[in-house]
Every structure is written in C-alpha cells, then in structure tokens.
C-alpha cells in the first residue's frame, strides 16, 4: 500500500533501525519505546490486523511470532521474560493498520497492562 508507513519501511522508503530480517518478516526498533526493549515485528506483506493475517496466511503469522521470539533471544530478554502484543483495532491502541507485534521486555511488566 502506498500510504502505509510500515510498507514504506519494508520498501526502504522510510528509514528504520532494523534488528532482524527473514523472508517474510522484518523487525525494527519502535520510535517511541515503552520498555528498554521495544521492537516491532511486521510481515513484509500488508495485512491490516492480526485477525486478517491469521485468516489469510497462518504460516506468515507463525513466522512473525518466531521472529518475535528470536528478537527476545537476540536482545537477551528471552530467559527473564518478555511480552508479545498485537493491538487490533483503534480501541485496542492500533494506530498503524499493518499488523505488527510489539516485543517488550528488559524490565518488569505489570499486569494488567492498561
């Protein structure tokens, strides 16, 4: 999509601090981090929400989740614990409608989150 921020990051038209890449996914640092580690993992293909991705390409969703775990390993937070969050829809806080997983860690994460 030409007006999607994350599609522009995938194409290289918008810079991002990339931390991991796979055939179907890209991981980069959030520009407004909410924890010491805050990385977004997105599919390279445009899917507006996690529900739509799950319905259309479960294998790609699995790749995004695998990459989220590998980000946690690479960042040194896999053993202590981390959170993977998919915000779906405006009331859940989704502001970019290209599905993305937030990988958060590096400090205690209280529950419930909000």
C-alpha atoms as a PDB file:
ATOM      1  CA  UNK A   1       0.000   0.000   0.000  1.00  0.00           C
ATOM      2  CA  UNK A   2       1.408   3.362  -0.958  1.00  0.00           C
ATOM      3  CA  UNK A   3       0.224   5.247   2.136  1.00  0.00           C
ATOM      4  CA  UNK A   4       1.174   2.627   4.742  1.00  0.00           C
ATOM      5  CA  UNK A   5       4.097   3.636   6.974  1.00  0.00           C
ATOM      6  CA  UNK A   6       5.204   0.040   7.559  1.00  0.00           C
ATOM      7  CA  UNK A   7       5.015  -0.820   3.851  1.00  0.00           C
ATOM      8  CA  UNK A   8       7.315   2.165   3.285  1.00  0.00           C
ATOM      9  CA  UNK A   9       9.726   0.766   5.887  1.00  0.00           C
ATOM     10  CA  UNK A  10       9.658  -2.623   4.127  1.00  0.00           C
ATOM     11  CA  UNK A  11      10.399  -0.959   0.761  1.00  0.00           C
ATOM     12  CA  UNK A  12      13.206   1.163   2.251  1.00  0.00           C
ATOM     13  CA  UNK A  13      11.434   4.457   1.541  1.00  0.00           C
ATOM     14  CA  UNK A  14      11.255   5.242   5.275  1.00  0.00           C
ATOM     15  CA  UNK A  15      14.303   4.508   7.441  1.00  0.00           C
ATOM     16  CA  UNK A  16      14.091   2.264  10.484  1.00  0.00           C
ATOM     17  CA  UNK A  17      16.607   0.697  12.847  1.00  0.00           C
ATOM     18  CA  UNK A  18      16.268  -2.903  11.640  1.00  0.00           C
ATOM     19  CA  UNK A  19      17.296  -5.613  14.102  1.00  0.00           C
ATOM     20  CA  UNK A  20      16.171  -8.791  12.228  1.00  0.00           C
ATOM     21  CA  UNK A  21      15.011  -9.835   8.789  1.00  0.00           C
ATOM     22  CA  UNK A  22      13.576 -13.053   7.413  1.00  0.00           C
ATOM     23  CA  UNK A  23      11.978 -13.964   4.106  1.00  0.00           C
ATOM     24  CA  UNK A  24       8.538 -12.867   5.269  1.00  0.00           C
ATOM     25  CA  UNK A  25       9.130 -10.559   8.238  1.00  0.00           C
ATOM     26  CA  UNK A  26      11.059  -7.510   9.366  1.00  0.00           C
ATOM     27  CA  UNK A  27      11.865  -6.391  12.931  1.00  0.00           C
ATOM     28  CA  UNK A  28      12.820  -2.848  13.896  1.00  0.00           C
ATOM     29  CA  UNK A  29      13.050  -0.659  16.993  1.00  0.00           C
ATOM     30  CA  UNK A  30       9.937   1.286  17.996  1.00  0.00           C
ATOM     31  CA  UNK A  31      10.468   5.052  17.699  1.00  0.00           C
ATOM     32  CA  UNK A  32       8.552   5.591  20.966  1.00  0.00           C
ATOM     33  CA  UNK A  33       9.761   2.734  23.199  1.00  0.00           C
ATOM     34  CA  UNK A  34       7.622   1.733  26.171  1.00  0.00           C
ATOM     35  CA  UNK A  35      10.270  -0.591  27.682  1.00  0.00           C
ATOM     36  CA  UNK A  36      14.061  -0.935  27.473  1.00  0.00           C
ATOM     37  CA  UNK A  37      13.473  -3.422  24.652  1.00  0.00           C
ATOM     38  CA  UNK A  38      10.642  -2.439  22.322  1.00  0.00           C
ATOM     39  CA  UNK A  39      10.863  -3.917  18.851  1.00  0.00           C
ATOM     40  CA  UNK A  40       8.126  -4.206  16.234  1.00  0.00           C
ATOM     41  CA  UNK A  41       7.897  -7.321  14.069  1.00  0.00           C
ATOM     42  CA  UNK A  42       5.872  -6.988  10.880  1.00  0.00           C
ATOM     43  CA  UNK A  43       5.108  -9.178   7.893  1.00  0.00           C
ATOM     44  CA  UNK A  44       6.611  -7.835   4.675  1.00  0.00           C
ATOM     45  CA  UNK A  45       3.205  -8.260   3.028  1.00  0.00           C
ATOM     46  CA  UNK A  46       0.466  -5.833   4.006  1.00  0.00           C
ATOM     47  CA  UNK A  47      -2.242  -7.212   6.296  1.00  0.00           C
ATOM     48  CA  UNK A  48      -4.217  -4.645   8.334  1.00  0.00           C
ATOM     49  CA  UNK A  49      -4.748  -6.708  11.507  1.00  0.00           C
ATOM     50  CA  UNK A  50      -3.553  -9.902  13.142  1.00  0.00           C
ATOM     51  CA  UNK A  51      -7.007 -11.425  12.635  1.00  0.00           C
ATOM     52  CA  UNK A  52      -6.829 -10.785   8.904  1.00  0.00           C
ATOM     53  CA  UNK A  53      -3.292 -12.205   8.747  1.00  0.00           C
ATOM     54  CA  UNK A  54      -4.364 -15.331  10.653  1.00  0.00           C
ATOM     55  CA  UNK A  55      -7.292 -15.864   8.280  1.00  0.00           C
ATOM     56  CA  UNK A  56      -5.263 -15.371   5.107  1.00  0.00           C
ATOM     57  CA  UNK A  57      -1.781 -16.740   5.897  1.00  0.00           C
ATOM     58  CA  UNK A  58      -1.310 -18.709   9.124  1.00  0.00           C
ATOM     59  CA  UNK A  59       2.224 -19.636   8.065  1.00  0.00           C
ATOM     60  CA  UNK A  60       3.235 -15.987   7.819  1.00  0.00           C
ATOM     61  CA  UNK A  61       1.693 -15.305  11.226  1.00  0.00           C
ATOM     62  CA  UNK A  62       3.772 -18.160  12.630  1.00  0.00           C
ATOM     63  CA  UNK A  63       6.877 -16.627  11.043  1.00  0.00           C
ATOM     64  CA  UNK A  64       6.136 -13.260  12.683  1.00  0.00           C
ATOM     65  CA  UNK A  65       5.786 -14.963  16.076  1.00  0.00           C
ATOM     66  CA  UNK A  66       9.019 -16.973  15.549  1.00  0.00           C
ATOM     67  CA  UNK A  67      10.839 -13.773  14.663  1.00  0.00           C
ATOM     68  CA  UNK A  68       9.408 -12.065  17.767  1.00  0.00           C
ATOM     69  CA  UNK A  69      10.867 -14.848  19.908  1.00  0.00           C
ATOM     70  CA  UNK A  70      14.210 -14.592  18.124  1.00  0.00           C
ATOM     71  CA  UNK A  71      14.249 -10.850  18.803  1.00  0.00           C
ATOM     72  CA  UNK A  72      13.814 -11.671  22.511  1.00  0.00           C
ATOM     73  CA  UNK A  73      16.710 -14.138  22.306  1.00  0.00           C
ATOM     74  CA  UNK A  74      18.928 -11.646  20.459  1.00  0.00           C
ATOM     75  CA  UNK A  75      18.054  -8.868  22.925  1.00  0.00           C
ATOM     76  CA  UNK A  76      18.851 -11.066  25.937  1.00  0.00           C
ATOM     77  CA  UNK A  77      15.325 -10.996  27.394  1.00  0.00           C
ATOM     78  CA  UNK A  78      14.090 -14.470  26.464  1.00  0.00           C
ATOM     79  CA  UNK A  79      15.140 -16.057  29.771  1.00  0.00           C
ATOM     80  CA  UNK A  80      13.870 -13.310  32.081  1.00  0.00           C
ATOM     81  CA  UNK A  81      10.600 -12.901  30.187  1.00  0.00           C
ATOM     82  CA  UNK A  82       9.075 -10.718  27.543  1.00  0.00           C
ATOM     83  CA  UNK A  83       5.693  -9.756  26.179  1.00  0.00           C
ATOM     84  CA  UNK A  84       4.420 -10.026  22.596  1.00  0.00           C
ATOM     85  CA  UNK A  85       1.431  -7.768  21.944  1.00  0.00           C
ATOM     86  CA  UNK A  86      -0.775  -7.396  18.866  1.00  0.00           C
ATOM     87  CA  UNK A  87      -3.082  -4.373  19.157  1.00  0.00           C
ATOM     88  CA  UNK A  88      -6.109  -4.959  16.932  1.00  0.00           C
ATOM     89  CA  UNK A  89      -8.361  -2.027  16.141  1.00  0.00           C
ATOM     90  CA  UNK A  90      -8.469   1.589  17.284  1.00  0.00           C
ATOM     91  CA  UNK A  91      -9.885   0.903  20.764  1.00  0.00           C
ATOM     92  CA  UNK A  92      -7.009  -1.501  21.415  1.00  0.00           C
ATOM     93  CA  UNK A  93      -4.483   1.186  20.505  1.00  0.00           C
ATOM     94  CA  UNK A  94      -3.648   0.143  16.948  1.00  0.00           C
ATOM     95  CA  UNK A  95      -2.503   3.283  15.128  1.00  0.00           C
ATOM     96  CA  UNK A  96      -0.765   1.781  12.083  1.00  0.00           C
ATOM     97  CA  UNK A  97      -3.046  -0.610  10.229  1.00  0.00           C
ATOM     98  CA  UNK A  98      -0.331  -3.003   9.090  1.00  0.00           C
ATOM     99  CA  UNK A  99      -0.250  -5.860  11.578  1.00  0.00           C
ATOM    100  CA  UNK A 100       2.702  -5.654  13.953  1.00  0.00           C
ATOM    101  CA  UNK A 101       3.831  -7.493  17.051  1.00  0.00           C
ATOM    102  CA  UNK A 102       5.339  -5.444  19.855  1.00  0.00           C
ATOM    103  CA  UNK A 103       8.170  -7.286  21.609  1.00  0.00           C
ATOM    104  CA  UNK A 104       8.583  -5.695  25.052  1.00  0.00           C
ATOM    105  CA  UNK A 105      10.986  -6.554  27.845  1.00  0.00           C
ATOM    106  CA  UNK A 106      14.004  -5.571  29.852  1.00  0.00           C
ATOM    107  CA  UNK A 107      12.013  -4.540  32.953  1.00  0.00           C
ATOM    108  CA  UNK A 108       9.110  -5.844  34.988  1.00  0.00           C
ATOM    109  CA  UNK A 109       5.866  -5.670  33.029  1.00  0.00           C
ATOM    110  CA  UNK A 110       2.877  -5.325  35.347  1.00  0.00           C
ATOM    111  CA  UNK A 111      -0.446  -6.985  34.595  1.00  0.00           C
ATOM    112  CA  UNK A 112      -2.973  -5.886  33.547  1.00  0.00           C
ATOM    113  CA  UNK A 113      -1.233  -3.592  31.076  1.00  0.00           C
ATOM    114  CA  UNK A 114      -3.867  -0.909  30.653  1.00  0.00           C
END
